[in-house]
Amino acid sequence: MADKVVPHFQNDLGVPVIRINAHEFMCEGASPPYDHPHVYLDMGDAEEMVCPYCSTLYKLDHSLAPGACNPPECAVVEKAA
């Protein structure tokens, strides 16, 4: 069982920058059917990273809650089954 959750983000809004408080995350592009291959990204020690598929720039922002993002609409929320 995983001991931590990797946050997922999407960019339906088409914003050029999404601020996040996570070094490891997944980018989905946009909501299906406009998504791209869901890619796991790891910033390592960097403060920003560009998704190689959709070119969204993700910037590290420690003022956000862990796993949160700004704009908040870019967080992918799991739906209960």
N, C-alpha and C. Protein backbone atom coordinates (compact mmCIF):
# COMPACT_ATOMS: atom_id res chain seq x y z
N MET A 1 0.85 -1.18 0.00
CA MET A 1 0.00 0.00 0.00
C MET A 1 0.89 1.24 0.00
N ALA A 2 0.48 2.24 -0.74
CA ALA A 2 1.26 3.48 -0.85
C ALA A 2 1.19 4.25 0.46
N ASP A 3 2.31 4.86 0.82
CA ASP A 3 2.32 5.63 2.06
C ASP A 3 2.10 7.12 1.84
N LYS A 4 2.00 7.54 0.58
CA LYS A 4 1.68 8.93 0.30
C LYS A 4 0.89 9.02 -1.00
N VAL A 5 0.16 10.10 -1.13
CA VAL A 5 -0.69 10.31 -2.30
C VAL A 5 0.01 11.27 -3.24
N VAL A 6 0.02 10.94 -4.52
CA VAL A 6 0.57 11.82 -5.54
C VAL A 6 -0.59 12.65 -6.10
N PRO A 7 -0.56 13.97 -5.93
CA PRO A 7 -1.66 14.80 -6.43
C PRO A 7 -1.71 14.82 -7.96
N HIS A 8 -2.92 14.93 -8.48
CA HIS A 8 -3.16 14.99 -9.92
C HIS A 8 -3.71 16.36 -10.28
N PHE A 9 -3.21 16.90 -11.40
CA PHE A 9 -3.65 18.22 -11.84
C PHE A 9 -4.04 18.17 -13.31
N GLN A 10 -4.95 19.07 -13.69
CA GLN A 10 -5.35 19.23 -15.09
C GLN A 10 -5.50 20.71 -15.37
N ASN A 11 -5.52 21.06 -16.64
CA ASN A 11 -5.55 22.47 -17.00
C ASN A 11 -6.69 22.78 -17.96
N ASP A 12 -7.91 22.50 -17.51
CA ASP A 12 -9.09 22.84 -18.32
C ASP A 12 -9.20 24.35 -18.55
N LEU A 13 -8.68 25.13 -17.62
CA LEU A 13 -8.76 26.59 -17.72
C LEU A 13 -7.81 27.16 -18.78
N GLY A 14 -6.80 26.38 -19.14
CA GLY A 14 -5.82 26.86 -20.12
C GLY A 14 -4.89 27.92 -19.58
N VAL A 15 -4.66 27.91 -18.26
CA VAL A 15 -3.75 28.89 -17.67
C VAL A 15 -2.30 28.52 -17.98
N PRO A 16 -1.43 29.50 -18.13
CA PRO A 16 -0.03 29.19 -18.46
C PRO A 16 0.75 28.65 -17.27
N VAL A 17 0.33 28.99 -16.02
CA VAL A 17 1.07 28.58 -14.82
C VAL A 17 0.09 28.04 -13.78
N ILE A 18 0.45 26.90 -13.20
CA ILE A 18 -0.29 26.36 -12.06
C ILE A 18 0.70 26.29 -10.90
N ARG A 19 0.35 26.93 -9.81
CA ARG A 19 1.19 26.89 -8.61
C ARG A 19 0.76 25.68 -7.78
N ILE A 20 1.72 24.89 -7.33
CA ILE A 20 1.42 23.68 -6.59
C ILE A 20 2.35 23.57 -5.38
N ASN A 21 1.91 22.79 -4.40
CA ASN A 21 2.78 22.48 -3.27
C ASN A 21 3.02 20.98 -3.26
N ALA A 22 3.77 20.53 -4.26
CA ALA A 22 4.14 19.12 -4.39
C ALA A 22 5.35 19.04 -5.32
N HIS A 23 6.31 18.22 -4.94
CA HIS A 23 7.47 18.00 -5.83
C HIS A 23 7.18 16.89 -6.83
N GLU A 24 6.33 15.93 -6.45
CA GLU A 24 5.93 14.83 -7.32
C GLU A 24 4.44 14.97 -7.57
N PHE A 25 4.04 14.86 -8.84
CA PHE A 25 2.63 15.05 -9.19
C PHE A 25 2.35 14.42 -10.55
N MET A 26 1.08 14.38 -10.91
CA MET A 26 0.69 13.88 -12.22
C MET A 26 -0.05 14.98 -12.98
N CYS A 27 0.30 15.17 -14.25
CA CYS A 27 -0.41 16.09 -15.12
C CYS A 27 -1.25 15.28 -16.09
N GLU A 28 -2.53 15.65 -16.21
CA GLU A 28 -3.44 14.98 -17.12
C GLU A 28 -3.74 15.81 -18.37
N GLY A 29 -3.25 17.03 -18.42
CA GLY A 29 -3.59 17.91 -19.54
C GLY A 29 -4.90 18.58 -19.25
N ALA A 30 -5.97 18.09 -19.85
CA ALA A 30 -7.32 18.60 -19.61
C ALA A 30 -8.21 17.40 -19.28
N SER A 31 -9.47 17.69 -19.02
CA SER A 31 -10.41 16.59 -18.75
C SER A 31 -10.63 15.76 -20.00
N PRO A 32 -10.86 14.45 -19.85
CA PRO A 32 -11.16 13.62 -21.01
C PRO A 32 -12.38 14.17 -21.74
N PRO A 33 -12.42 14.16 -23.02
CA PRO A 33 -11.53 13.46 -23.95
C PRO A 33 -10.36 14.33 -24.43
N TYR A 34 -10.10 15.44 -23.78
CA TYR A 34 -9.05 16.36 -24.22
C TYR A 34 -7.76 16.21 -23.42
N ASP A 35 -7.65 15.11 -22.69
CA ASP A 35 -6.45 14.89 -21.89
C ASP A 35 -5.30 14.38 -22.77
N HIS A 36 -4.12 14.36 -22.17
CA HIS A 36 -2.96 13.76 -22.84
C HIS A 36 -2.54 12.56 -22.00
N PRO A 37 -1.56 11.79 -22.41
CA PRO A 37 -1.12 10.69 -21.55
C PRO A 37 -0.82 11.23 -20.15
N HIS A 38 -1.35 10.56 -19.15
CA HIS A 38 -1.17 11.01 -17.78
C HIS A 38 0.27 10.73 -17.37
N VAL A 39 1.01 11.82 -17.15
CA VAL A 39 2.45 11.72 -16.92
C VAL A 39 2.79 12.12 -15.49
N TYR A 40 3.57 11.26 -14.84
CA TYR A 40 4.05 11.56 -13.50
C TYR A 40 5.33 12.38 -13.62
N LEU A 41 5.38 13.49 -12.91
CA LEU A 41 6.52 14.40 -12.97
C LEU A 41 7.13 14.56 -11.59
N ASP A 42 8.43 14.69 -11.55
CA ASP A 42 9.16 14.87 -10.29
C ASP A 42 10.09 16.06 -10.45
N MET A 43 9.85 17.12 -9.69
CA MET A 43 10.67 18.33 -9.77
C MET A 43 12.05 18.15 -9.18
N GLY A 44 12.22 17.14 -8.33
CA GLY A 44 13.50 17.00 -7.65
C GLY A 44 13.76 18.23 -6.79
N ASP A 45 14.91 18.87 -6.98
CA ASP A 45 15.25 20.07 -6.22
C ASP A 45 14.83 21.36 -6.92
N ALA A 46 14.23 21.24 -8.10
CA ALA A 46 13.84 22.42 -8.88
C ALA A 46 12.62 23.10 -8.25
N GLU A 47 12.38 24.33 -8.65
CA GLU A 47 11.23 25.11 -8.17
C GLU A 47 10.11 25.17 -9.19
N GLU A 48 10.38 24.67 -10.41
CA GLU A 48 9.35 24.67 -11.45
C GLU A 48 9.65 23.58 -12.47
N MET A 49 8.59 23.21 -13.21
CA MET A 49 8.73 22.18 -14.23
C MET A 49 7.65 22.38 -15.29
N VAL A 50 8.00 22.12 -16.54
CA VAL A 50 7.05 22.24 -17.64
C VAL A 50 6.60 20.83 -18.04
N CYS A 51 5.30 20.64 -18.18
CA CYS A 51 4.79 19.36 -18.65
C CYS A 51 5.23 19.16 -20.10
N PRO A 52 5.83 18.02 -20.42
CA PRO A 52 6.32 17.80 -21.78
C PRO A 52 5.20 17.60 -22.81
N TYR A 53 3.98 17.39 -22.37
CA TYR A 53 2.87 17.19 -23.30
C TYR A 53 2.08 18.46 -23.56
N CYS A 54 1.67 19.16 -22.48
CA CYS A 54 0.78 20.32 -22.66
C CYS A 54 1.47 21.66 -22.43
N SER A 55 2.73 21.63 -22.03
CA SER A 55 3.53 22.84 -21.79
C SER A 55 3.03 23.71 -20.64
N THR A 56 2.20 23.15 -19.77
CA THR A 56 1.80 23.89 -18.57
C THR A 56 3.02 24.02 -17.67
N LEU A 57 3.25 25.21 -17.16
CA LEU A 57 4.35 25.45 -16.23
C LEU A 57 3.82 25.26 -14.81
N TYR A 58 4.44 24.35 -14.07
CA TYR A 58 4.11 24.11 -12.67
C TYR A 58 5.19 24.77 -11.83
N LYS A 59 4.76 25.64 -10.88
CA LYS A 59 5.70 26.33 -10.00
C LYS A 59 5.42 25.93 -8.56
N LEU A 60 6.48 25.62 -7.84
CA LEU A 60 6.37 25.24 -6.44
C LEU A 60 5.98 26.46 -5.61
N ASP A 61 4.97 26.29 -4.75
CA ASP A 61 4.49 27.37 -3.89
C ASP A 61 4.23 26.80 -2.50
N HIS A 62 5.17 27.02 -1.58
CA HIS A 62 5.06 26.46 -0.24
C HIS A 62 3.97 27.13 0.60
N SER A 63 3.38 28.22 0.12
CA SER A 63 2.31 28.87 0.89
C SER A 63 0.99 28.10 0.78
N LEU A 64 0.92 27.17 -0.17
CA LEU A 64 -0.29 26.36 -0.35
C LEU A 64 -0.24 25.14 0.57
N ALA A 65 -1.40 24.57 0.85
CA ALA A 65 -1.45 23.32 1.62
C ALA A 65 -0.77 22.21 0.81
N PRO A 66 -0.21 21.21 1.47
CA PRO A 66 0.43 20.11 0.73
C PRO A 66 -0.53 19.48 -0.28
N GLY A 67 -0.08 19.37 -1.53
CA GLY A 67 -0.88 18.79 -2.60
C GLY A 67 -1.89 19.73 -3.23
N ALA A 68 -1.99 20.96 -2.71
CA ALA A 68 -2.96 21.92 -3.23
C ALA A 68 -2.39 22.66 -4.44
N CYS A 69 -3.27 23.38 -5.12
CA CYS A 69 -2.84 24.15 -6.28
C CYS A 69 -3.61 25.45 -6.39
N ASN A 70 -3.06 26.35 -7.19
CA ASN A 70 -3.71 27.62 -7.49
C ASN A 70 -3.54 27.87 -8.98
N PRO A 71 -4.61 27.94 -9.75
CA PRO A 71 -6.00 27.96 -9.33
C PRO A 71 -6.48 26.60 -8.82
N PRO A 72 -7.36 26.63 -7.80
CA PRO A 72 -7.81 25.39 -7.19
C PRO A 72 -8.61 24.48 -8.12
N GLU A 73 -9.18 25.05 -9.18
CA GLU A 73 -9.95 24.26 -10.15
C GLU A 73 -9.08 23.27 -10.91
N CYS A 74 -7.78 23.42 -10.83
CA CYS A 74 -6.86 22.55 -11.57
C CYS A 74 -6.57 21.24 -10.83
N ALA A 75 -7.02 21.12 -9.59
CA ALA A 75 -6.83 19.86 -8.85
C ALA A 75 -7.84 18.84 -9.34
N VAL A 76 -7.37 17.61 -9.57
CA VAL A 76 -8.25 16.51 -9.94
C VAL A 76 -8.73 15.87 -8.65
N VAL A 77 -10.04 15.83 -8.49
CA VAL A 77 -10.64 15.28 -7.29
C VAL A 77 -11.24 13.92 -7.64
N GLU A 78 -10.83 12.90 -6.87
CA GLU A 78 -11.38 11.56 -7.08
C GLU A 78 -12.86 11.56 -6.71
N LYS A 79 -13.67 10.94 -7.54
CA LYS A 79 -15.09 10.81 -7.26
C LYS A 79 -15.34 9.50 -6.54
N ALA A 80 -16.18 9.54 -5.51
CA ALA A 80 -16.50 8.34 -4.76
C ALA A 80 -17.25 7.34 -5.64
N ALA A 81 -16.96 6.08 -5.47
CA ALA A 81 -17.60 5.03 -6.29
C ALA A 81 -18.96 4.68 -5.75
